[in-house]
Amino acid sequence: MARRGGMDWPGLMRAGLRGLGLTPEAFWRLTPAELALMLGAEAGAGPLTRARLEDLARQWPDLPATRAQEPAAPAAAQDMDEQDMDEQDMEGIGDG
């Protein structure tokens, strides 16, 4: 939208008046940011395509988890494991 030395007013006016069908009064009431939004210049990224997803996967590959990165087991599962271990220890007592 900007050109060397400032704004491209003729181009912006053509886009606003002809392209968007604005009246001159409506055009001149807009801020540059509002006009840019209406023209789609600030629309942001488009939808994620398969090709873009593959590019991202190459840039940021999934790495195998190390022991420190593995999520901890839920507390109920930890309690169950400790209870099972206590029962196994008790089974061995008195078998001598």
PDB file of N, CA and C in Angstrom:
ATOM      1  N   MET A   1       0.801  -1.183   0.000  1.00  0.00           N
ATOM      2  CA  MET A   1       0.000   0.000   0.000  1.00  0.00           C
ATOM      3  C   MET A   1       0.853   1.260   0.000  1.00  0.00           C
ATOM      4  N   ALA A   2       1.976   1.205   0.653  1.00  0.00           N
ATOM      5  CA  ALA A   2       2.853   2.375   0.666  1.00  0.00           C
ATOM      6  C   ALA A   2       3.788   2.300  -0.526  1.00  0.00           C
ATOM      7  N   ARG A   3       4.121   3.421  -1.033  1.00  0.00           N
ATOM      8  CA  ARG A   3       5.108   3.461  -2.100  1.00  0.00           C
ATOM      9  C   ARG A   3       6.214   4.380  -1.643  1.00  0.00           C
ATOM     10  N   ARG A   4       7.273   4.382  -2.348  1.00  0.00           N
ATOM     11  CA  ARG A   4       8.402   5.211  -1.981  1.00  0.00           C
ATOM     12  C   ARG A   4       7.955   6.671  -1.867  1.00  0.00           C
ATOM     13  N   GLY A   5       8.229   7.255  -0.731  1.00  0.00           N
ATOM     14  CA  GLY A   5       7.851   8.642  -0.532  1.00  0.00           C
ATOM     15  C   GLY A   5       6.480   8.813   0.094  1.00  0.00           C
ATOM     16  N   GLY A   6       5.778   7.740   0.413  1.00  0.00           N
ATOM     17  CA  GLY A   6       4.472   7.882   1.065  1.00  0.00           C
ATOM     18  C   GLY A   6       3.455   6.900   0.556  1.00  0.00           C
ATOM     19  N   MET A   7       2.219   7.247   0.750  1.00  0.00           N
ATOM     20  CA  MET A   7       1.103   6.380   0.367  1.00  0.00           C
ATOM     21  C   MET A   7       0.816   6.508  -1.122  1.00  0.00           C
ATOM     22  N   ASP A   8       0.382   5.429  -1.711  1.00  0.00           N
ATOM     23  CA  ASP A   8      -0.025   5.411  -3.117  1.00  0.00           C
ATOM     24  C   ASP A   8      -1.505   5.807  -3.175  1.00  0.00           C
ATOM     25  N   TRP A   9      -1.773   7.103  -3.021  1.00  0.00           N
ATOM     26  CA  TRP A   9      -3.154   7.564  -2.952  1.00  0.00           C
ATOM     27  C   TRP A   9      -3.959   7.249  -4.205  1.00  0.00           C
ATOM     28  N   PRO A  10      -3.423   7.444  -5.406  1.00  0.00           N
ATOM     29  CA  PRO A  10      -4.228   7.072  -6.579  1.00  0.00           C
ATOM     30  C   PRO A  10      -4.610   5.588  -6.584  1.00  0.00           C
ATOM     31  N   GLY A  11      -3.650   4.738  -6.231  1.00  0.00           N
ATOM     32  CA  GLY A  11      -3.940   3.300  -6.190  1.00  0.00           C
ATOM     33  C   GLY A  11      -4.938   2.944  -5.095  1.00  0.00           C
ATOM     34  N   LEU A  12      -4.784   3.582  -3.940  1.00  0.00           N
ATOM     35  CA  LEU A  12      -5.714   3.329  -2.839  1.00  0.00           C
ATOM     36  C   LEU A  12      -7.120   3.821  -3.173  1.00  0.00           C
ATOM     37  N   MET A  13      -7.189   4.970  -3.822  1.00  0.00           N
ATOM     38  CA  MET A  13      -8.498   5.500  -4.204  1.00  0.00           C
ATOM     39  C   MET A  13      -9.170   4.592  -5.227  1.00  0.00           C
ATOM     40  N   ARG A  14      -8.405   4.103  -6.202  1.00  0.00           N
ATOM     41  CA  ARG A  14      -8.982   3.169  -7.187  1.00  0.00           C
ATOM     42  C   ARG A  14      -9.501   1.918  -6.477  1.00  0.00           C
ATOM     43  N   ALA A  15      -8.708   1.391  -5.554  1.00  0.00           N
ATOM     44  CA  ALA A  15      -9.122   0.181  -4.839  1.00  0.00           C
ATOM     45  C   ALA A  15     -10.360   0.444  -3.992  1.00  0.00           C
ATOM     46  N   GLY A  16     -10.390   1.577  -3.323  1.00  0.00           N
ATOM     47  CA  GLY A  16     -11.529   1.880  -2.453  1.00  0.00           C
ATOM     48  C   GLY A  16     -12.784   2.249  -3.214  1.00  0.00           C
ATOM     49  N   LEU A  17     -12.631   3.138  -4.209  1.00  0.00           N
ATOM     50  CA  LEU A  17     -13.806   3.636  -4.929  1.00  0.00           C
ATOM     51  C   LEU A  17     -14.314   2.633  -5.956  1.00  0.00           C
ATOM     52  N   ARG A  18     -13.421   2.092  -6.744  1.00  0.00           N
ATOM     53  CA  ARG A  18     -13.841   1.136  -7.782  1.00  0.00           C
ATOM     54  C   ARG A  18     -13.950  -0.275  -7.236  1.00  0.00           C
ATOM     55  N   GLY A  19     -12.900  -0.704  -6.551  1.00  0.00           N
ATOM     56  CA  GLY A  19     -12.870  -2.093  -6.077  1.00  0.00           C
ATOM     57  C   GLY A  19     -13.873  -2.387  -4.977  1.00  0.00           C
ATOM     58  N   LEU A  20     -13.951  -1.509  -4.000  1.00  0.00           N
ATOM     59  CA  LEU A  20     -14.858  -1.728  -2.874  1.00  0.00           C
ATOM     60  C   LEU A  20     -16.193  -1.012  -3.031  1.00  0.00           C
ATOM     61  N   GLY A  21     -16.271  -0.117  -3.997  1.00  0.00           N
ATOM     62  CA  GLY A  21     -17.518   0.616  -4.225  1.00  0.00           C
ATOM     63  C   GLY A  21     -17.824   1.646  -3.144  1.00  0.00           C
ATOM     64  N   LEU A  22     -16.786   2.155  -2.481  1.00  0.00           N
ATOM     65  CA  LEU A  22     -16.990   3.171  -1.449  1.00  0.00           C
ATOM     66  C   LEU A  22     -17.294   4.523  -2.083  1.00  0.00           C
ATOM     67  N   THR A  23     -18.038   5.335  -1.380  1.00  0.00           N
ATOM     68  CA  THR A  23     -18.214   6.721  -1.810  1.00  0.00           C
ATOM     69  C   THR A  23     -16.947   7.481  -1.410  1.00  0.00           C
ATOM     70  N   PRO A  24     -16.653   8.598  -2.054  1.00  0.00           N
ATOM     71  CA  PRO A  24     -15.480   9.378  -1.642  1.00  0.00           C
ATOM     72  C   PRO A  24     -15.527   9.747  -0.155  1.00  0.00           C
ATOM     73  N   GLU A  25     -16.708  10.125   0.333  1.00  0.00           N
ATOM     74  CA  GLU A  25     -16.832  10.480   1.746  1.00  0.00           C
ATOM     75  C   GLU A  25     -16.469   9.297   2.647  1.00  0.00           C
ATOM     76  N   ALA A  26     -16.982   8.106   2.320  1.00  0.00           N
ATOM     77  CA  ALA A  26     -16.678   6.907   3.116  1.00  0.00           C
ATOM     78  C   ALA A  26     -15.190   6.561   3.029  1.00  0.00           C
ATOM     79  N   PHE A  27     -14.620   6.702   1.821  1.00  0.00           N
ATOM     80  CA  PHE A  27     -13.190   6.418   1.646  1.00  0.00           C
ATOM     81  C   PHE A  27     -12.348   7.296   2.559  1.00  0.00           C
ATOM     82  N   TRP A  28     -12.602   8.593   2.562  1.00  0.00           N
ATOM     83  CA  TRP A  28     -11.778   9.526   3.327  1.00  0.00           C
ATOM     84  C   TRP A  28     -12.009   9.436   4.828  1.00  0.00           C
ATOM     85  N   ARG A  29     -13.094   8.809   5.248  1.00  0.00           N
ATOM     86  CA  ARG A  29     -13.324   8.617   6.685  1.00  0.00           C
ATOM     87  C   ARG A  29     -12.547   7.410   7.231  1.00  0.00           C
ATOM     88  N   LEU A  30     -12.112   6.528   6.362  1.00  0.00           N
ATOM     89  CA  LEU A  30     -11.382   5.331   6.797  1.00  0.00           C
ATOM     90  C   LEU A  30      -9.959   5.675   7.227  1.00  0.00           C
ATOM     91  N   THR A  31      -9.461   4.914   8.187  1.00  0.00           N
ATOM     92  CA  THR A  31      -8.036   5.003   8.516  1.00  0.00           C
ATOM     93  C   THR A  31      -7.296   4.085   7.550  1.00  0.00           C
ATOM     94  N   PRO A  32      -5.997   4.279   7.368  1.00  0.00           N
ATOM     95  CA  PRO A  32      -5.237   3.351   6.514  1.00  0.00           C
ATOM     96  C   PRO A  32      -5.372   1.895   6.969  1.00  0.00           C
ATOM     97  N   ALA A  33      -5.418   1.668   8.276  1.00  0.00           N
ATOM     98  CA  ALA A  33      -5.557   0.295   8.779  1.00  0.00           C
ATOM     99  C   ALA A  33      -6.913  -0.294   8.392  1.00  0.00           C
ATOM    100  N   GLU A  34      -7.975   0.500   8.479  1.00  0.00           N
ATOM    101  CA  GLU A  34      -9.302   0.022   8.100  1.00  0.00           C
ATOM    102  C   GLU A  34      -9.359  -0.300   6.610  1.00  0.00           C
ATOM    103  N   LEU A  35      -8.775   0.569   5.791  1.00  0.00           N
ATOM    104  CA  LEU A  35      -8.759   0.326   4.346  1.00  0.00           C
ATOM    105  C   LEU A  35      -7.964  -0.937   4.025  1.00  0.00           C
ATOM    106  N   ALA A  36      -6.821  -1.109   4.685  1.00  0.00           N
ATOM    107  CA  ALA A  36      -6.011  -2.305   4.458  1.00  0.00           C
ATOM    108  C   ALA A  36      -6.794  -3.566   4.813  1.00  0.00           C
ATOM    109  N   LEU A  37      -7.530  -3.515   5.913  1.00  0.00           N
ATOM    110  CA  LEU A  37      -8.331  -4.661   6.328  1.00  0.00           C
ATOM    111  C   LEU A  37      -9.420  -4.952   5.294  1.00  0.00           C
ATOM    112  N   MET A  38     -10.076  -3.916   4.826  1.00  0.00           N
ATOM    113  CA  MET A  38     -11.138  -4.094   3.830  1.00  0.00           C
ATOM    114  C   MET A  38     -10.596  -4.657   2.512  1.00  0.00           C
ATOM    115  N   LEU A  39      -9.371  -4.282   2.186  1.00  0.00           N
ATOM    116  CA  LEU A  39      -8.763  -4.757   0.935  1.00  0.00           C
ATOM    117  C   LEU A  39      -8.145  -6.139   1.078  1.00  0.00           C
ATOM    118  N   GLY A  40      -8.101  -6.650   2.308  1.00  0.00           N
ATOM    119  CA  GLY A  40      -7.546  -7.982   2.527  1.00  0.00           C
ATOM    120  C   GLY A  40      -6.050  -7.999   2.690  1.00  0.00           C
ATOM    121  N   ALA A  41      -5.423  -6.829   2.774  1.00  0.00           N
ATOM    122  CA  ALA A  41      -3.962  -6.780   2.887  1.00  0.00           C
ATOM    123  C   ALA A  41      -3.489  -7.291   4.234  1.00  0.00           C
ATOM    124  N   GLU A  42      -4.322  -7.195   5.241  1.00  0.00           N
ATOM    125  CA  GLU A  42      -3.945  -7.621   6.592  1.00  0.00           C
ATOM    126  C   GLU A  42      -4.699  -8.886   6.991  1.00  0.00           C
ATOM    127  N   ALA A  43      -5.059  -9.703   6.032  1.00  0.00           N
ATOM    128  CA  ALA A  43      -5.888 -10.866   6.320  1.00  0.00           C
ATOM    129  C   ALA A  43      -5.157 -11.953   7.087  1.00  0.00           C
ATOM    130  N   GLY A  44      -3.834 -11.954   7.086  1.00  0.00           N
ATOM    131  CA  GLY A  44      -3.089 -12.985   7.801  1.00  0.00           C
ATOM    132  C   GLY A  44      -2.912 -14.229   6.956  1.00  0.00           C
ATOM    133  N   ALA A  45      -2.464 -15.272   7.593  1.00  0.00           N
ATOM    134  CA  ALA A  45      -2.181 -16.523   6.902  1.00  0.00           C
ATOM    135  C   ALA A  45      -3.472 -17.207   6.474  1.00  0.00           C
ATOM    136  N   GLY A  46      -3.397 -17.888   5.377  1.00  0.00           N
ATOM    137  CA  GLY A  46      -4.534 -18.654   4.898  1.00  0.00           C
ATOM    138  C   GLY A  46      -4.643 -19.970   5.656  1.00  0.00           C
ATOM    139  N   PRO A  47      -5.527 -20.841   5.219  1.00  0.00           N
ATOM    140  CA  PRO A  47      -5.689 -22.124   5.898  1.00  0.00           C
ATOM    141  C   PRO A  47      -4.434 -22.979   5.762  1.00  0.00           C
ATOM    142  N   LEU A  48      -4.242 -23.845   6.721  1.00  0.00           N
ATOM    143  CA  LEU A  48      -3.087 -24.734   6.723  1.00  0.00           C
ATOM    144  C   LEU A  48      -3.281 -25.807   5.656  1.00  0.00           C
ATOM    145  N   THR A  49      -2.384 -25.855   4.691  1.00  0.00           N
ATOM    146  CA  THR A  49      -2.459 -26.860   3.634  1.00  0.00           C
ATOM    147  C   THR A  49      -1.606 -28.057   4.015  1.00  0.00           C
ATOM    148  N   ARG A  50      -1.823 -29.167   3.323  1.00  0.00           N
ATOM    149  CA  ARG A  50      -1.023 -30.366   3.586  1.00  0.00           C
ATOM    150  C   ARG A  50       0.465 -30.081   3.351  1.00  0.00           C
ATOM    151  N   ALA A  51       0.782 -29.334   2.296  1.00  0.00           N
ATOM    152  CA  ALA A  51       2.182 -29.017   2.000  1.00  0.00           C
ATOM    153  C   ALA A  51       2.805 -28.192   3.123  1.00  0.00           C
ATOM    154  N   ARG A  52       2.053 -27.229   3.642  1.00  0.00           N
ATOM    155  CA  ARG A  52       2.571 -26.408   4.741  1.00  0.00           C
ATOM    156  C   ARG A  52       2.740 -27.241   6.001  1.00  0.00           C
ATOM    157  N   LEU A  53       1.807 -28.150   6.260  1.00  0.00           N
ATOM    158  CA  LEU A  53       1.920 -29.040   7.418  1.00  0.00           C
ATOM    159  C   LEU A  53       3.164 -29.914   7.299  1.00  0.00           C
ATOM    160  N   GLU A  54       3.429 -30.429   6.105  1.00  0.00           N
ATOM    161  CA  GLU A  54       4.628 -31.246   5.892  1.00  0.00           C
ATOM    162  C   GLU A  54       5.894 -30.413   6.086  1.00  0.00           C
ATOM    163  N   ASP A  55       5.900 -29.167   5.623  1.00  0.00           N
ATOM    164  CA  ASP A  55       7.040 -28.277   5.858  1.00  0.00           C
ATOM    165  C   ASP A  55       7.275 -28.082   7.354  1.00  0.00           C
ATOM    166  N   LEU A  56       6.207 -27.833   8.088  1.00  0.00           N
ATOM    167  CA  LEU A  56       6.327 -27.642   9.535  1.00  0.00           C
ATOM    168  C   LEU A  56       6.822 -28.912  10.228  1.00  0.00           C
ATOM    169  N   ALA A  57       6.339 -30.068   9.770  1.00  0.00           N
ATOM    170  CA  ALA A  57       6.780 -31.338  10.365  1.00  0.00           C
ATOM    171  C   ALA A  57       8.276 -31.566  10.120  1.00  0.00           C
ATOM    172  N   ARG A  58       8.764 -31.148   8.962  1.00  0.00           N
ATOM    173  CA  ARG A  58      10.206 -31.272   8.697  1.00  0.00           C
ATOM    174  C   ARG A  58      11.004 -30.306   9.567  1.00  0.00           C
ATOM    175  N   GLN A  59      10.477 -29.095   9.743  1.00  0.00           N
ATOM    176  CA  GLN A  59      11.169 -28.095  10.557  1.00  0.00           C
ATOM    177  C   GLN A  59      11.137 -28.433  12.035  1.00  0.00           C
ATOM    178  N   TRP A  60      10.061 -29.041  12.498  1.00  0.00           N
ATOM    179  CA  TRP A  60       9.866 -29.318  13.924  1.00  0.00           C
ATOM    180  C   TRP A  60       9.479 -30.782  14.110  1.00  0.00           C
ATOM    181  N   PRO A  61      10.414 -31.700  13.863  1.00  0.00           N
ATOM    182  CA  PRO A  61      10.064 -33.127  13.964  1.00  0.00           C
ATOM    183  C   PRO A  61       9.764 -33.530  15.405  1.00  0.00           C
ATOM    184  N   ASP A  62       8.897 -34.530  15.538  1.00  0.00           N
ATOM    185  CA  ASP A  62       8.638 -35.099  16.859  1.00  0.00           C
ATOM    186  C   ASP A  62       9.867 -35.900  17.249  1.00  0.00           C
ATOM    187  N   LEU A  63      10.326 -35.710  18.460  1.00  0.00           N
ATOM    188  CA  LEU A  63      11.483 -36.433  18.962  1.00  0.00           C
ATOM    189  C   LEU A  63      11.017 -37.462  19.976  1.00  0.00           C
ATOM    190  N   PRO A  64      11.719 -38.606  20.046  1.00  0.00           N
ATOM    191  CA  PRO A  64      11.327 -39.581  21.059  1.00  0.00           C
ATOM    192  C   PRO A  64      11.495 -38.983  22.450  1.00  0.00           C
ATOM    193  N   ALA A  65      10.563 -39.294  23.326  1.00  0.00           N
ATOM    194  CA  ALA A  65      10.612 -38.750  24.682  1.00  0.00           C
ATOM    195  C   ALA A  65      11.736 -39.414  25.468  1.00  0.00           C
ATOM    196  N   THR A  66      12.434 -38.621  26.235  1.00  0.00           N
ATOM    197  CA  THR A  66      13.425 -39.175  27.151  1.00  0.00           C
ATOM    198  C   THR A  66      12.725 -39.464  28.462  1.00  0.00           C
ATOM    199  N   ARG A  67      13.387 -40.156  29.340  1.00  0.00           N
ATOM    200  CA  ARG A  67      12.775 -40.521  30.623  1.00  0.00           C
ATOM    201  C   ARG A  67      12.283 -39.281  31.364  1.00  0.00           C
ATOM    202  N   ALA A  68      13.052 -38.201  31.314  1.00  0.00           N
ATOM    203  CA  ALA A  68      12.678 -36.975  32.020  1.00  0.00           C
ATOM    204  C   ALA A  68      11.459 -36.310  31.388  1.00  0.00           C
ATOM    205  N   GLN A  69      11.226 -36.552  30.087  1.00  0.00           N
ATOM    206  CA  GLN A  69      10.121 -35.903  29.388  1.00  0.00           C
ATOM    207  C   GLN A  69       8.825 -36.705  29.458  1.00  0.00           C
ATOM    208  N   GLU A  70       8.901 -37.985  29.832  1.00  0.00           N
ATOM    209  CA  GLU A  70       7.705 -38.811  29.848  1.00  0.00           C
ATOM    210  C   GLU A  70       6.753 -38.317  30.920  1.00  0.00           C
ATOM    211  N   PRO A  71       5.475 -38.271  30.606  1.00  0.00           N
ATOM    212  CA  PRO A  71       4.519 -37.806  31.615  1.00  0.00           C
ATOM    213  C   PRO A  71       4.429 -38.808  32.756  1.00  0.00           C
ATOM    214  N   ALA A  72       4.217 -38.305  33.945  1.00  0.00           N
ATOM    215  CA  ALA A  72       4.072 -39.163  35.109  1.00  0.00           C
ATOM    216  C   ALA A  72       2.736 -39.886  35.037  1.00  0.00           C
ATOM    217  N   ALA A  73       2.701 -41.086  35.607  1.00  0.00           N
ATOM    218  CA  ALA A  73       1.453 -41.849  35.648  1.00  0.00           C
ATOM    219  C   ALA A  73       0.487 -41.147  36.589  1.00  0.00           C
ATOM    220  N   PRO A  74      -0.802 -41.273  36.354  1.00  0.00           N
ATOM    221  CA  PRO A  74      -1.768 -40.667  37.270  1.00  0.00           C
ATOM    222  C   PRO A  74      -1.586 -41.211  38.678  1.00  0.00           C
ATOM    223  N   ALA A  75      -1.956 -40.421  39.667  1.00  0.00           N
ATOM    224  CA  ALA A  75      -1.753 -40.794  41.065  1.00  0.00           C
ATOM    225  C   ALA A  75      -2.419 -42.123  41.389  1.00  0.00           C
ATOM    226  N   ALA A  76      -3.616 -42.377  40.863  1.00  0.00           N
ATOM    227  CA  ALA A  76      -4.308 -43.638  41.142  1.00  0.00           C
ATOM    228  C   ALA A  76      -3.494 -44.817  40.636  1.00  0.00           C
ATOM    229  N   ALA A  77      -2.875 -44.684  39.470  1.00  0.00           N
ATOM    230  CA  ALA A  77      -2.059 -45.762  38.927  1.00  0.00           C
ATOM    231  C   ALA A  77      -0.814 -45.966  39.774  1.00  0.00           C
ATOM    232  N   GLN A  78      -0.219 -44.904  40.282  1.00  0.00           N
ATOM    233  CA  GLN A  78       0.957 -45.026  41.135  1.00  0.00           C
ATOM    234  C   GLN A  78       0.582 -45.737  42.432  1.00  0.00           C
ATOM    235  N   ASP A  79      -0.574 -45.376  43.019  1.00  0.00           N
ATOM    236  CA  ASP A  79      -1.016 -46.018  44.249  1.00  0.00           C
ATOM    237  C   ASP A  79      -1.257 -47.502  44.018  1.00  0.00           C
ATOM    238  N   MET A  80      -1.854 -47.848  42.891  1.00  0.00           N
ATOM    239  CA  MET A  80      -2.137 -49.236  42.576  1.00  0.00           C
ATOM    240  C   MET A  80      -0.848 -50.024  42.449  1.00  0.00           C
ATOM    241  N   ASP A  81       0.142 -49.459  41.790  1.00  0.00           N
ATOM    242  CA  ASP A  81       1.424 -50.138  41.633  1.00  0.00           C
ATOM    243  C   ASP A  81       2.074 -50.375  42.986  1.00  0.00           C
ATOM    244  N   GLU A  82       2.030 -49.401  43.878  1.00  0.00           N
ATOM    245  CA  GLU A  82       2.622 -49.558  45.203  1.00  0.00           C
ATOM    246  C   GLU A  82       1.868 -50.611  45.999  1.00  0.00           C
ATOM    247  N   GLN A  83       0.538 -50.642  45.880  1.00  0.00           N
ATOM    248  CA  GLN A  83      -0.264 -51.628  46.588  1.00  0.00           C
ATOM    249  C   GLN A  83       0.060 -53.024  46.075  1.00  0.00           C
ATOM    250  N   ASP A  84       0.154 -53.190  44.761  1.00  0.00           N
ATOM    251  CA  ASP A  84       0.494 -54.480  44.178  1.00  0.00           C
ATOM    252  C   ASP A  84       1.862 -54.935  44.656  1.00  0.00           C
ATOM    253  N   MET A  85       2.813 -54.020  44.751  1.00  0.00           N
ATOM    254  CA  MET A  85       4.165 -54.366  45.189  1.00  0.00           C
ATOM    255  C   MET A  85       4.145 -54.798  46.652  1.00  0.00           C
ATOM    256  N   ASP A  86       3.339 -54.124  47.487  1.00  0.00           N
ATOM    257  CA  ASP A  86       3.243 -54.503  48.897  1.00  0.00           C
ATOM    258  C   ASP A  86       2.668 -55.911  49.027  1.00  0.00           C
ATOM    259  N   GLU A  87       1.641 -56.248  48.236  1.00  0.00           N
ATOM    260  CA  GLU A  87       1.051 -57.575  48.282  1.00  0.00           C
ATOM    261  C   GLU A  87       2.055 -58.627  47.847  1.00  0.00           C
ATOM    262  N   GLN A  88       2.852 -58.322  46.831  1.00  0.00           N
ATOM    263  CA  GLN A  88       3.865 -59.281  46.375  1.00  0.00           C
ATOM    264  C   GLN A  88       4.919 -59.497  47.450  1.00  0.00           C
ATOM    265  N   ASP A  89       5.309 -58.416  48.136  1.00  0.00           N
ATOM    266  CA  ASP A  89       6.284 -58.540  49.203  1.00  0.00           C
ATOM    267  C   ASP A  89       5.724 -59.399  50.335  1.00  0.00           C
ATOM    268  N   MET A  90       4.436 -59.237  50.653  1.00  0.00           N
ATOM    269  CA  MET A  90       3.800 -59.995  51.736  1.00  0.00           C
ATOM    270  C   MET A  90       3.717 -61.469  51.390  1.00  0.00           C
ATOM    271  N   GLU A  91       3.545 -61.802  50.121  1.00  0.00           N
ATOM    272  CA  GLU A  91       3.426 -63.203  49.710  1.00  0.00           C
ATOM    273  C   GLU A  91       4.722 -63.949  49.977  1.00  0.00           C
ATOM    274  N   GLY A  92       5.816 -63.262  49.876  1.00  0.00           N
ATOM    275  CA  GLY A  92       7.111 -63.925  50.060  1.00  0.00           C
ATOM    276  C   GLY A  92       7.491 -64.126  51.505  1.00  0.00           C
ATOM    277  N   ILE A  93       6.825 -63.447  52.437  1.00  0.00           N
ATOM    278  CA  ILE A  93       7.147 -63.536  53.858  1.00  0.00           C
ATOM    279  C   ILE A  93       6.588 -64.849  54.415  1.00  0.00           C
ATOM    280  N   GLY A  94       7.395 -65.540  55.163  1.00  0.00           N
ATOM    281  CA  GLY A  94       6.965 -66.774  55.800  1.00  0.00           C
ATOM    282  C   GLY A  94       7.059 -67.979  54.913  1.00  0.00           C
ATOM    283  N   ASP A  95       7.562 -67.814  53.685  1.00  0.00           N
ATOM    284  CA  ASP A  95       7.699 -68.951  52.779  1.00  0.00           C
ATOM    285  C   ASP A  95       9.059 -69.638  52.978  1.00  0.00           C
ATOM    286  N   GLY A  96       9.773 -69.314  53.986  1.00  0.00           N
ATOM    287  CA  GLY A  96      11.144 -69.762  54.119  1.00  0.00           C
ATOM    288  C   GLY A  96      11.361 -71.030  54.727  1.00  0.00           C
TER     289      GLY A  96
END
